């Protein structure tokens, strides 16, 4: 911007930024509302539905994920998995 600027020119710049802020907010909402996570199991990524998880158990450098029909032993820390999950859905 070249100084000094007029009030009209400044308002015009702000109006151009407003639609961009809506796009950024909607992308962050999509990230928060995911119902699945990806975990590494035997060197491959497995998509796990968050509502299907009923227990996550820490065992040293691994965690044991118990899901409705399977169990996964994942080489990860409990802290890393907590960051990916909706904390209001689980008890610790």
PDB file of N, CA and C in Angstrom:
ATOM      1  N   UNK A   1       0.833  -1.180   0.000  1.00  0.00           N
ATOM      2  CA  UNK A   1       0.000   0.000   0.000  1.00  0.00           C
ATOM      3  C   UNK A   1       0.883   1.251   0.000  1.00  0.00           C
ATOM      4  N   UNK A   2       0.396   2.225  -0.643  1.00  0.00           N
ATOM      5  CA  UNK A   2       1.090   3.496  -0.693  1.00  0.00           C
ATOM      6  C   UNK A   2       0.487   4.404   0.368  1.00  0.00           C
ATOM      7  N   UNK A   3       1.344   5.056   1.144  1.00  0.00           N
ATOM      8  CA  UNK A   3       0.866   5.953   2.194  1.00  0.00           C
ATOM      9  C   UNK A   3       0.807   7.362   1.655  1.00  0.00           C
ATOM     10  N   UNK A   4      -0.038   8.191   2.050  1.00  0.00           N
ATOM     11  CA  UNK A   4      -1.235   7.959   2.854  1.00  0.00           C
ATOM     12  C   UNK A   4      -2.345   7.336   2.007  1.00  0.00           C
ATOM     13  N   UNK A   5      -3.186   6.561   2.650  1.00  0.00           N
ATOM     14  CA  UNK A   5      -4.290   5.919   1.936  1.00  0.00           C
ATOM     15  C   UNK A   5      -5.599   6.582   2.334  1.00  0.00           C
ATOM     16  N   UNK A   6      -6.543   6.500   1.437  1.00  0.00           N
ATOM     17  CA  UNK A   6      -7.856   7.067   1.752  1.00  0.00           C
ATOM     18  C   UNK A   6      -8.695   6.023   2.475  1.00  0.00           C
ATOM     19  N   UNK A   7      -9.682   6.508   3.162  1.00  0.00           N
ATOM     20  CA  UNK A   7     -10.564   5.611   3.906  1.00  0.00           C
ATOM     21  C   UNK A   7     -11.304   4.663   2.960  1.00  0.00           C
ATOM     22  N   UNK A   8     -11.717   5.158   1.803  1.00  0.00           N
ATOM     23  CA  UNK A   8     -12.421   4.323   0.821  1.00  0.00           C
ATOM     24  C   UNK A   8     -11.532   3.197   0.305  1.00  0.00           C
ATOM     25  N   UNK A   9     -10.285   3.524   0.030  1.00  0.00           N
ATOM     26  CA  UNK A   9      -9.343   2.521  -0.474  1.00  0.00           C
ATOM     27  C   UNK A   9      -9.076   1.452   0.592  1.00  0.00           C
ATOM     28  N   UNK A  10      -8.960   1.867   1.823  1.00  0.00           N
ATOM     29  CA  UNK A  10      -8.741   0.929   2.917  1.00  0.00           C
ATOM     30  C   UNK A  10      -9.945   0.001   3.080  1.00  0.00           C
ATOM     31  N   UNK A  11     -11.145   0.553   3.005  1.00  0.00           N
ATOM     32  CA  UNK A  11     -12.368  -0.264   3.120  1.00  0.00           C
ATOM     33  C   UNK A  11     -12.470  -1.256   1.968  1.00  0.00           C
ATOM     34  N   UNK A  12     -12.084  -0.836   0.789  1.00  0.00           N
ATOM     35  CA  UNK A  12     -12.109  -1.718  -0.375  1.00  0.00           C
ATOM     36  C   UNK A  12     -11.165  -2.907  -0.176  1.00  0.00           C
ATOM     37  N   UNK A  13     -10.001  -2.660   0.416  1.00  0.00           N
ATOM     38  CA  UNK A  13      -9.046  -3.742   0.705  1.00  0.00           C
ATOM     39  C   UNK A  13      -9.606  -4.707   1.740  1.00  0.00           C
ATOM     40  N   UNK A  14     -10.260  -4.176   2.754  1.00  0.00           N
ATOM     41  CA  UNK A  14     -10.866  -5.038   3.777  1.00  0.00           C
ATOM     42  C   UNK A  14     -11.996  -5.885   3.203  1.00  0.00           C
ATOM     43  N   UNK A  15     -12.768  -5.309   2.288  1.00  0.00           N
ATOM     44  CA  UNK A  15     -13.861  -6.056   1.669  1.00  0.00           C
ATOM     45  C   UNK A  15     -13.348  -7.216   0.831  1.00  0.00           C
ATOM     46  N   UNK A  16     -12.187  -7.048   0.226  1.00  0.00           N
ATOM     47  CA  UNK A  16     -11.590  -8.138  -0.548  1.00  0.00           C
ATOM     48  C   UNK A  16     -11.105  -9.267   0.348  1.00  0.00           C
ATOM     49  N   UNK A  17     -10.678  -8.954   1.549  1.00  0.00           N
ATOM     50  CA  UNK A  17     -10.187  -9.975   2.472  1.00  0.00           C
ATOM     51  C   UNK A  17     -11.304 -10.766   3.136  1.00  0.00           C
ATOM     52  N   UNK A  18     -12.467 -10.218   3.281  1.00  0.00           N
ATOM     53  CA  UNK A  18     -13.562 -10.867   3.985  1.00  0.00           C
ATOM     54  C   UNK A  18     -13.937 -12.231   3.401  1.00  0.00           C
ATOM     55  N   UNK A  19     -14.114 -12.401   2.086  1.00  0.00           N
ATOM     56  CA  UNK A  19     -14.421 -13.739   1.570  1.00  0.00           C
ATOM     57  C   UNK A  19     -13.305 -14.756   1.831  1.00  0.00           C
ATOM     58  N   UNK A  20     -12.068 -14.326   1.856  1.00  0.00           N
ATOM     59  CA  UNK A  20     -10.962 -15.248   2.127  1.00  0.00           C
ATOM     60  C   UNK A  20     -11.002 -15.768   3.554  1.00  0.00           C
ATOM     61  N   UNK A  21     -11.396 -14.936   4.491  1.00  0.00           N
ATOM     62  CA  UNK A  21     -11.454 -15.381   5.882  1.00  0.00           C
ATOM     63  C   UNK A  21     -12.534 -16.444   6.063  1.00  0.00           C
ATOM     64  N   UNK A  22     -13.634 -16.362   5.312  1.00  0.00           N
ATOM     65  CA  UNK A  22     -14.687 -17.372   5.399  1.00  0.00           C
ATOM     66  C   UNK A  22     -14.188 -18.723   4.890  1.00  0.00           C
ATOM     67  N   UNK A  23     -13.385 -18.725   3.845  1.00  0.00           N
ATOM     68  CA  UNK A  23     -12.840 -19.968   3.303  1.00  0.00           C
ATOM     69  C   UNK A  23     -11.905 -20.610   4.317  1.00  0.00           C
ATOM     70  N   UNK A  24     -11.053 -19.821   4.954  1.00  0.00           N
ATOM     71  CA  UNK A  24     -10.119 -20.350   5.954  1.00  0.00           C
ATOM     72  C   UNK A  24     -10.879 -20.935   7.133  1.00  0.00           C
ATOM     73  N   UNK A  25     -11.924 -20.265   7.607  1.00  0.00           N
ATOM     74  CA  UNK A  25     -12.711 -20.771   8.720  1.00  0.00           C
ATOM     75  C   UNK A  25     -13.413 -22.070   8.362  1.00  0.00           C
ATOM     76  N   UNK A  26     -13.958 -22.185   7.164  1.00  0.00           N
ATOM     77  CA  UNK A  26     -14.674 -23.398   6.781  1.00  0.00           C
ATOM     78  C   UNK A  26     -13.712 -24.583   6.672  1.00  0.00           C
ATOM     79  N   UNK A  27     -12.481 -24.368   6.204  1.00  0.00           N
ATOM     80  CA  UNK A  27     -11.499 -25.453   6.141  1.00  0.00           C
ATOM     81  C   UNK A  27     -11.125 -25.936   7.530  1.00  0.00           C
ATOM     82  N   UNK A  28     -10.994 -25.029   8.480  1.00  0.00           N
ATOM     83  CA  UNK A  28     -10.649 -25.450   9.835  1.00  0.00           C
ATOM     84  C   UNK A  28     -11.806 -26.207  10.484  1.00  0.00           C
ATOM     85  N   UNK A  29     -13.051 -25.861  10.160  1.00  0.00           N
ATOM     86  CA  UNK A  29     -14.200 -26.598  10.685  1.00  0.00           C
ATOM     87  C   UNK A  29     -14.235 -28.009  10.128  1.00  0.00           C
ATOM     88  N   UNK A  30     -13.919 -28.169   8.862  1.00  0.00           N
ATOM     89  CA  UNK A  30     -13.900 -29.490   8.244  1.00  0.00           C
ATOM     90  C   UNK A  30     -12.861 -30.362   8.935  1.00  0.00           C
ATOM     91  N   UNK A  31     -11.699 -29.807   9.243  1.00  0.00           N
ATOM     92  CA  UNK A  31     -10.654 -30.571   9.924  1.00  0.00           C
ATOM     93  C   UNK A  31     -11.136 -31.059  11.288  1.00  0.00           C
ATOM     94  N   UNK A  32     -11.845 -30.204  12.007  1.00  0.00           N
ATOM     95  CA  UNK A  32     -12.282 -30.575  13.348  1.00  0.00           C
ATOM     96  C   UNK A  32     -13.386 -31.614  13.347  1.00  0.00           C
ATOM     97  N   UNK A  33     -14.173 -31.702  12.303  1.00  0.00           N
ATOM     98  CA  UNK A  33     -15.338 -32.573  12.289  1.00  0.00           C
ATOM     99  C   UNK A  33     -15.071 -33.936  11.661  1.00  0.00           C
ATOM    100  N   UNK A  34     -13.821 -34.324  11.489  1.00  0.00           N
ATOM    101  CA  UNK A  34     -13.520 -35.630  10.916  1.00  0.00           C
ATOM    102  C   UNK A  34     -13.990 -36.722  11.862  1.00  0.00           C
ATOM    103  N   UNK A  35     -14.514 -37.786  11.310  1.00  0.00           N
ATOM    104  CA  UNK A  35     -14.963 -38.920  12.116  1.00  0.00           C
ATOM    105  C   UNK A  35     -14.034 -40.112  11.957  1.00  0.00           C
ATOM    106  N   UNK A  36     -12.820 -39.879  11.497  1.00  0.00           N
ATOM    107  CA  UNK A  36     -11.876 -40.971  11.337  1.00  0.00           C
ATOM    108  C   UNK A  36     -10.447 -40.451  11.515  1.00  0.00           C
ATOM    109  N   UNK A  37      -9.547 -41.369  11.808  1.00  0.00           N
ATOM    110  CA  UNK A  37      -8.123 -41.049  11.880  1.00  0.00           C
ATOM    111  C   UNK A  37      -7.368 -42.129  11.117  1.00  0.00           C
ATOM    112  N   UNK A  38      -6.158 -41.820  10.747  1.00  0.00           N
ATOM    113  CA  UNK A  38      -5.282 -42.799  10.116  1.00  0.00           C
ATOM    114  C   UNK A  38      -4.194 -43.174  11.108  1.00  0.00           C
ATOM    115  N   UNK A  39      -3.955 -44.483  11.256  1.00  0.00           N
ATOM    116  CA  UNK A  39      -2.896 -44.967  12.133  1.00  0.00           C
ATOM    117  C   UNK A  39      -1.992 -45.923  11.360  1.00  0.00           C
ATOM    118  N   UNK A  40      -0.725 -45.988  11.755  1.00  0.00           N
ATOM    119  CA  UNK A  40       0.230 -46.895  11.127  1.00  0.00           C
ATOM    120  C   UNK A  40       0.168 -48.255  11.813  1.00  0.00           C
ATOM    121  N   UNK A  41      -0.191 -49.266  11.058  1.00  0.00           N
ATOM    122  CA  UNK A  41      -0.226 -50.636  11.557  1.00  0.00           C
ATOM    123  C   UNK A  41       0.601 -51.487  10.595  1.00  0.00           C
ATOM    124  N   UNK A  42       1.680 -52.058  11.074  1.00  0.00           N
ATOM    125  CA  UNK A  42       2.557 -52.883  10.239  1.00  0.00           C
ATOM    126  C   UNK A  42       2.980 -52.166   8.957  1.00  0.00           C
ATOM    127  N   UNK A  43       3.435 -50.939   9.103  1.00  0.00           N
ATOM    128  CA  UNK A  43       3.947 -50.115   7.996  1.00  0.00           C
ATOM    129  C   UNK A  43       2.910 -49.793   6.919  1.00  0.00           C
ATOM    130  N   UNK A  44       1.650 -49.781   7.283  1.00  0.00           N
ATOM    131  CA  UNK A  44       0.620 -49.357   6.349  1.00  0.00           C
ATOM    132  C   UNK A  44      -0.393 -48.508   7.103  1.00  0.00           C
ATOM    133  N   UNK A  45      -0.993 -47.576   6.397  1.00  0.00           N
ATOM    134  CA  UNK A  45      -1.978 -46.702   7.015  1.00  0.00           C
ATOM    135  C   UNK A  45      -3.343 -47.382   7.020  1.00  0.00           C
ATOM    136  N   UNK A  46      -3.970 -47.346   8.170  1.00  0.00           N
ATOM    137  CA  UNK A  46      -5.305 -47.923   8.328  1.00  0.00           C
ATOM    138  C   UNK A  46      -6.243 -46.810   8.758  1.00  0.00           C
ATOM    139  N   UNK A  47      -7.371 -46.705   8.059  1.00  0.00           N
ATOM    140  CA  UNK A  47      -8.383 -45.712   8.398  1.00  0.00           C
ATOM    141  C   UNK A  47      -9.277 -46.285   9.492  1.00  0.00           C
ATOM    142  N   UNK A  48      -9.357 -45.581  10.618  1.00  0.00           N
ATOM    143  CA  UNK A  48     -10.119 -46.055  11.765  1.00  0.00           C
ATOM    144  C   UNK A  48     -11.227 -45.051  12.060  1.00  0.00           C
ATOM    145  N   UNK A  49     -12.434 -45.535  12.137  1.00  0.00           N
ATOM    146  CA  UNK A  49     -13.575 -44.694  12.474  1.00  0.00           C
ATOM    147  C   UNK A  49     -13.529 -44.367  13.967  1.00  0.00           C
ATOM    148  N   UNK A  50     -13.572 -43.095  14.312  1.00  0.00           N
ATOM    149  CA  UNK A  50     -13.482 -42.687  15.720  1.00  0.00           C
ATOM    150  C   UNK A  50     -14.644 -43.221  16.554  1.00  0.00           C
ATOM    151  N   UNK A  51     -15.886 -43.186  16.071  1.00  0.00           N
ATOM    152  CA  UNK A  51     -16.974 -43.734  16.896  1.00  0.00           C
ATOM    153  C   UNK A  51     -16.855 -45.241  17.161  1.00  0.00           C
ATOM    154  N   UNK A  52     -16.100 -45.967  16.337  1.00  0.00           N
ATOM    155  CA  UNK A  52     -15.975 -47.410  16.548  1.00  0.00           C
ATOM    156  C   UNK A  52     -14.916 -47.764  17.596  1.00  0.00           C
ATOM    157  N   UNK A  53     -14.105 -46.810  18.017  1.00  0.00           N
ATOM    158  CA  UNK A  53     -13.071 -47.068  19.035  1.00  0.00           C
ATOM    159  C   UNK A  53     -13.722 -47.105  20.406  1.00  0.00           C
ATOM    160  N   UNK A  54     -13.482 -48.199  21.150  1.00  0.00           N
ATOM    161  CA  UNK A  54     -14.029 -48.213  22.498  1.00  0.00           C
ATOM    162  C   UNK A  54     -12.967 -48.315  23.572  1.00  0.00           C
ATOM    163  N   UNK A  55     -11.678 -48.545  23.196  1.00  0.00           N
ATOM    164  CA  UNK A  55     -10.617 -48.570  24.192  1.00  0.00           C
ATOM    165  C   UNK A  55      -9.276 -48.316  23.522  1.00  0.00           C
ATOM    166  N   UNK A  56      -8.472 -47.476  24.146  1.00  0.00           N
ATOM    167  CA  UNK A  56      -7.090 -47.253  23.717  1.00  0.00           C
ATOM    168  C   UNK A  56      -6.227 -47.461  24.953  1.00  0.00           C
ATOM    169  N   UNK A  57      -5.298 -48.394  24.841  1.00  0.00           N
ATOM    170  CA  UNK A  57      -4.499 -48.806  25.988  1.00  0.00           C
ATOM    171  C   UNK A  57      -3.019 -48.602  25.676  1.00  0.00           C
ATOM    172  N   UNK A  58      -2.302 -47.932  26.567  1.00  0.00           N
ATOM    173  CA  UNK A  58      -0.875 -47.691  26.367  1.00  0.00           C
ATOM    174  C   UNK A  58      -0.069 -48.893  26.851  1.00  0.00           C
ATOM    175  N   UNK A  59       0.899 -49.312  26.012  1.00  0.00           N
ATOM    176  CA  UNK A  59       1.803 -50.410  26.367  1.00  0.00           C
ATOM    177  C   UNK A  59       3.198 -50.029  25.921  1.00  0.00           C
ATOM    178  N   UNK A  60       3.902 -49.244  26.736  1.00  0.00           N
ATOM    179  CA  UNK A  60       5.249 -48.812  26.390  1.00  0.00           C
ATOM    180  C   UNK A  60       5.243 -47.861  25.202  1.00  0.00           C
ATOM    181  N   UNK A  61       5.995 -48.205  24.168  1.00  0.00           N
ATOM    182  CA  UNK A  61       6.057 -47.377  22.963  1.00  0.00           C
ATOM    183  C   UNK A  61       4.894 -47.653  22.012  1.00  0.00           C
ATOM    184  N   UNK A  62       4.015 -48.555  22.374  1.00  0.00           N
ATOM    185  CA  UNK A  62       2.889 -48.934  21.523  1.00  0.00           C
ATOM    186  C   UNK A  62       1.588 -48.603  22.220  1.00  0.00           C
ATOM    187  N   UNK A  63       0.529 -48.536  21.439  1.00  0.00           N
ATOM    188  CA  UNK A  63      -0.812 -48.450  22.006  1.00  0.00           C
ATOM    189  C   UNK A  63      -1.655 -49.547  21.375  1.00  0.00           C
ATOM    190  N   UNK A  64      -2.567 -50.073  22.152  1.00  0.00           N
ATOM    191  CA  UNK A  64      -3.480 -51.098  21.677  1.00  0.00           C
ATOM    192  C   UNK A  64      -4.844 -50.446  21.484  1.00  0.00           C
ATOM    193  N   UNK A  65      -5.308 -50.409  20.242  1.00  0.00           N
ATOM    194  CA  UNK A  65      -6.622 -49.838  19.926  1.00  0.00           C
ATOM    195  C   UNK A  65      -7.621 -50.962  19.779  1.00  0.00           C
ATOM    196  N   UNK A  66      -8.629 -50.951  20.610  1.00  0.00           N
ATOM    197  CA  UNK A  66      -9.686 -51.953  20.500  1.00  0.00           C
ATOM    198  C   UNK A  66     -10.873 -51.294  19.826  1.00  0.00           C
ATOM    199  N   UNK A  67     -11.225 -51.877  18.698  1.00  0.00           N
ATOM    200  CA  UNK A  67     -12.308 -51.358  17.875  1.00  0.00           C
ATOM    201  C   UNK A  67     -13.401 -52.411  17.868  1.00  0.00           C
ATOM    202  N   UNK A  68     -14.563 -52.088  17.360  1.00  0.00           N
ATOM    203  CA  UNK A  68     -15.712 -52.991  17.402  1.00  0.00           C
ATOM    204  C   UNK A  68     -15.380 -54.410  16.966  1.00  0.00           C
ATOM    205  N   UNK A  69     -14.637 -54.572  15.876  1.00  0.00           N
ATOM    206  CA  UNK A  69     -14.397 -55.931  15.378  1.00  0.00           C
ATOM    207  C   UNK A  69     -12.926 -56.287  15.238  1.00  0.00           C
ATOM    208  N   UNK A  70     -11.995 -55.393  15.602  1.00  0.00           N
ATOM    209  CA  UNK A  70     -10.568 -55.663  15.464  1.00  0.00           C
ATOM    210  C   UNK A  70      -9.786 -55.025  16.594  1.00  0.00           C
ATOM    211  N   UNK A  71      -8.552 -55.454  16.732  1.00  0.00           N
ATOM    212  CA  UNK A  71      -7.588 -54.837  17.634  1.00  0.00           C
ATOM    213  C   UNK A  71      -6.376 -54.445  16.813  1.00  0.00           C
ATOM    214  N   UNK A  72      -5.854 -53.242  17.038  1.00  0.00           N
ATOM    215  CA  UNK A  72      -4.673 -52.778  16.333  1.00  0.00           C
ATOM    216  C   UNK A  72      -3.582 -52.440  17.338  1.00  0.00           C
ATOM    217  N   UNK A  73      -2.365 -52.925  17.093  1.00  0.00           N
ATOM    218  CA  UNK A  73      -1.208 -52.550  17.875  1.00  0.00           C
ATOM    219  C   UNK A  73      -0.461 -51.497  17.058  1.00  0.00           C
ATOM    220  N   UNK A  74      -0.430 -50.273  17.559  1.00  0.00           N
ATOM    221  CA  UNK A  74       0.090 -49.135  16.819  1.00  0.00           C
ATOM    222  C   UNK A  74       1.346 -48.624  17.506  1.00  0.00           C
ATOM    223  N   UNK A  75       2.401 -48.403  16.727  1.00  0.00           N
ATOM    224  CA  UNK A  75       3.633 -47.837  17.276  1.00  0.00           C
ATOM    225  C   UNK A  75       3.471 -46.320  17.329  1.00  0.00           C
ATOM    226  N   UNK A  76       2.961 -45.843  18.444  1.00  0.00           N
ATOM    227  CA  UNK A  76       2.710 -44.426  18.651  1.00  0.00           C
ATOM    228  C   UNK A  76       2.541 -44.196  20.139  1.00  0.00           C
ATOM    229  N   UNK A  77       2.579 -42.943  20.531  1.00  0.00           N
ATOM    230  CA  UNK A  77       2.346 -42.634  21.941  1.00  0.00           C
ATOM    231  C   UNK A  77       0.884 -42.259  22.133  1.00  0.00           C
ATOM    232  N   UNK A  78       0.453 -42.366  23.341  1.00  0.00           N
ATOM    233  CA  UNK A  78      -0.923 -42.008  23.664  1.00  0.00           C
ATOM    234  C   UNK A  78      -1.152 -40.517  23.432  1.00  0.00           C
ATOM    235  N   UNK A  79      -0.148 -39.714  23.679  1.00  0.00           N
ATOM    236  CA  UNK A  79      -0.256 -38.266  23.486  1.00  0.00           C
ATOM    237  C   UNK A  79      -0.524 -37.925  22.015  1.00  0.00           C
ATOM    238  N   UNK A  80       0.158 -38.592  21.093  1.00  0.00           N
ATOM    239  CA  UNK A  80      -0.048 -38.322  19.661  1.00  0.00           C
ATOM    240  C   UNK A  80      -1.451 -38.702  19.220  1.00  0.00           C
ATOM    241  N   UNK A  81      -1.956 -39.805  19.749  1.00  0.00           N
ATOM    242  CA  UNK A  81      -3.315 -40.229  19.396  1.00  0.00           C
ATOM    243  C   UNK A  81      -4.347 -39.287  20.011  1.00  0.00           C
ATOM    244  N   UNK A  82      -4.085 -38.819  21.233  1.00  0.00           N
ATOM    245  CA  UNK A  82      -5.003 -37.874  21.872  1.00  0.00           C
ATOM    246  C   UNK A  82      -5.156 -36.609  21.039  1.00  0.00           C
ATOM    247  N   UNK A  83      -4.076 -36.158  20.424  1.00  0.00           N
ATOM    248  CA  UNK A  83      -4.127 -34.948  19.608  1.00  0.00           C
ATOM    249  C   UNK A  83      -5.027 -35.129  18.389  1.00  0.00           C
ATOM    250  N   UNK A  84      -5.154 -36.351  17.894  1.00  0.00           N
ATOM    251  CA  UNK A  84      -5.970 -36.617  16.712  1.00  0.00           C
ATOM    252  C   UNK A  84      -7.444 -36.838  17.041  1.00  0.00           C
ATOM    253  N   UNK A  85      -7.751 -37.176  18.288  1.00  0.00           N
ATOM    254  CA  UNK A  85      -9.115 -37.553  18.663  1.00  0.00           C
ATOM    255  C   UNK A  85      -9.907 -36.381  19.223  1.00  0.00           C
ATOM    256  N   UNK A  86     -11.222 -36.534  19.228  1.00  0.00           N
ATOM    257  CA  UNK A  86     -12.111 -35.580  19.882  1.00  0.00           C
ATOM    258  C   UNK A  86     -12.057 -35.886  21.373  1.00  0.00           C
ATOM    259  N   UNK A  87     -11.476 -35.010  22.152  1.00  0.00           N
ATOM    260  CA  UNK A  87     -11.283 -35.297  23.562  1.00  0.00           C
ATOM    261  C   UNK A  87     -12.589 -35.362  24.351  1.00  0.00           C
ATOM    262  N   UNK A  88     -13.642 -34.743  23.835  1.00  0.00           N
ATOM    263  CA  UNK A  88     -14.915 -34.795  24.551  1.00  0.00           C
ATOM    264  C   UNK A  88     -15.613 -36.145  24.396  1.00  0.00           C
ATOM    265  N   UNK A  89     -15.110 -37.005  23.511  1.00  0.00           N
ATOM    266  CA  UNK A  89     -15.728 -38.312  23.278  1.00  0.00           C
ATOM    267  C   UNK A  89     -15.099 -39.426  24.104  1.00  0.00           C
ATOM    268  N   UNK A  90     -13.983 -39.160  24.769  1.00  0.00           N
ATOM    269  CA  UNK A  90     -13.251 -40.211  25.478  1.00  0.00           C
ATOM    270  C   UNK A  90     -12.987 -39.801  26.922  1.00  0.00           C
ATOM    271  N   UNK A  91     -12.854 -40.808  27.771  1.00  0.00           N
ATOM    272  CA  UNK A  91     -12.452 -40.603  29.157  1.00  0.00           C
ATOM    273  C   UNK A  91     -11.029 -41.081  29.323  1.00  0.00           C
ATOM    274  N   UNK A  92     -10.303 -40.436  30.227  1.00  0.00           N
ATOM    275  CA  UNK A  92      -8.923 -40.856  30.487  1.00  0.00           C
ATOM    276  C   UNK A  92      -8.810 -41.271  31.939  1.00  0.00           C
TER     277      UNK A  92
END
